Amino acid sequence: MWVNKMIGKVLKYMRTKNNLSQEELSNLIYIKQNTLSRYETETNDINFETIEKIANKCGYKIYFENSNFKDKFESKDILRKDI
């Protein structure tokens, strides 16, 4: 699936930009190193919560922007129970 391939590349980019090894990052977010490797190589699916954890540990924010309405929000702005 195309989305997983792009997510894997983004995860690896965030990690390497922060000079973190897979082992270091996996320890920070409490997953196994081989699980992180599978996310990065697109062999395992990943949920949004884990993507968000990785982004946050690497100093990135995930936000959504509507260019038509100039509306921008982060996932934290939405109550999880509303989804």
Protein backbone atom coordinates (compact mmCIF):
# COMPACT_ATOMS: atom_id res chain seq x y z
CA MET A 1 0.00 0.00 0.00
CA TRP A 2 1.35 3.42 -1.01
CA VAL A 3 0.48 5.09 2.31
CA ASN A 4 2.56 2.60 4.31
CA LYS A 5 5.53 3.14 2.02
CA MET A 6 5.38 6.88 2.52
CA ILE A 7 4.89 6.55 6.28
CA GLY A 8 7.92 4.27 6.51
CA LYS A 9 10.07 6.84 4.74
CA VAL A 10 8.76 9.66 6.97
CA LEU A 11 9.43 7.65 10.14
CA LYS A 12 12.98 6.90 9.09
CA TYR A 13 13.55 10.54 8.09
CA MET A 14 12.39 11.84 11.48
CA ARG A 15 14.53 9.31 13.32
CA THR A 16 17.72 9.88 11.34
CA LYS A 17 17.35 13.69 11.45
CA ASN A 18 17.51 13.33 15.23
CA ASN A 19 20.55 11.05 15.09
CA LEU A 20 18.64 8.24 16.78
CA SER A 21 19.23 4.58 16.12
CA GLN A 22 16.24 2.30 15.79
CA GLU A 23 17.12 0.85 19.17
CA GLU A 24 17.25 4.27 20.85
CA LEU A 25 13.93 5.43 19.41
CA SER A 26 12.18 2.14 20.08
CA ASN A 27 13.27 2.35 23.73
CA LEU A 28 11.88 5.90 23.96
CA ILE A 29 8.45 4.83 22.76
CA TYR A 30 8.43 1.40 24.43
CA ILE A 31 8.29 -0.84 21.38
CA LYS A 32 10.69 -3.51 20.15
CA GLN A 33 13.44 -2.46 17.76
CA ASN A 34 12.35 -5.02 15.19
CA THR A 35 8.82 -3.57 15.24
CA LEU A 36 10.18 -0.11 14.44
CA SER A 37 12.28 -1.63 11.67
CA ARG A 38 9.18 -3.25 10.18
CA TYR A 39 7.34 0.09 10.27
CA GLU A 40 10.22 1.79 8.47
CA THR A 41 10.53 -0.95 5.85
CA GLU A 42 6.77 -1.03 5.33
CA THR A 43 6.29 -4.66 6.32
CA ASN A 44 4.02 -3.87 9.31
CA ASP A 45 1.06 -1.52 9.47
CA ILE A 46 1.25 1.26 12.03
CA ASN A 47 -1.51 3.10 13.84
CA PHE A 48 -1.80 6.87 14.08
CA GLU A 49 -1.08 6.91 17.81
CA THR A 50 2.32 5.29 17.25
CA ILE A 51 3.13 7.66 14.37
CA GLU A 52 2.29 10.53 16.68
CA LYS A 53 4.52 9.14 19.47
CA ILE A 54 7.44 8.82 17.09
CA ALA A 55 6.91 12.32 15.70
CA ASN A 56 6.70 13.82 19.18
CA LYS A 57 9.84 12.05 20.42
CA CYS A 58 11.67 13.35 17.34
CA GLY A 59 10.45 16.92 17.90
CA TYR A 60 7.86 16.99 15.11
CA LYS A 61 4.19 17.97 15.24
CA ILE A 62 1.51 16.45 13.07
CA TYR A 63 -1.06 18.91 11.92
CA PHE A 64 -3.73 19.12 9.26
CA GLU A 65 -4.22 22.18 7.10
CA ASN A 66 -7.10 23.08 4.83
CA SER A 67 -5.69 25.38 2.18
CA ASN A 68 -9.16 26.45 1.04
CA PHE A 69 -10.25 27.77 4.42
CA LYS A 70 -6.86 28.51 6.01
CA ASP A 71 -7.86 26.19 8.83
CA LYS A 72 -5.12 24.32 10.68
CA PHE A 73 -5.31 21.98 13.68
CA GLU A 74 -3.34 19.30 15.49
CA SER A 75 -4.73 15.91 16.37
CA LYS A 76 -4.59 16.89 20.05
CA ASP A 77 -7.26 19.51 19.26
CA ILE A 78 -9.75 16.73 18.56
CA LEU A 79 -11.16 14.63 21.35
CA ARG A 80 -10.28 11.00 20.66
CA LYS A 81 -13.73 9.85 21.74
CA ASP A 82 -15.26 11.97 18.94
CA ILE A 83 -13.49 10.00 16.23
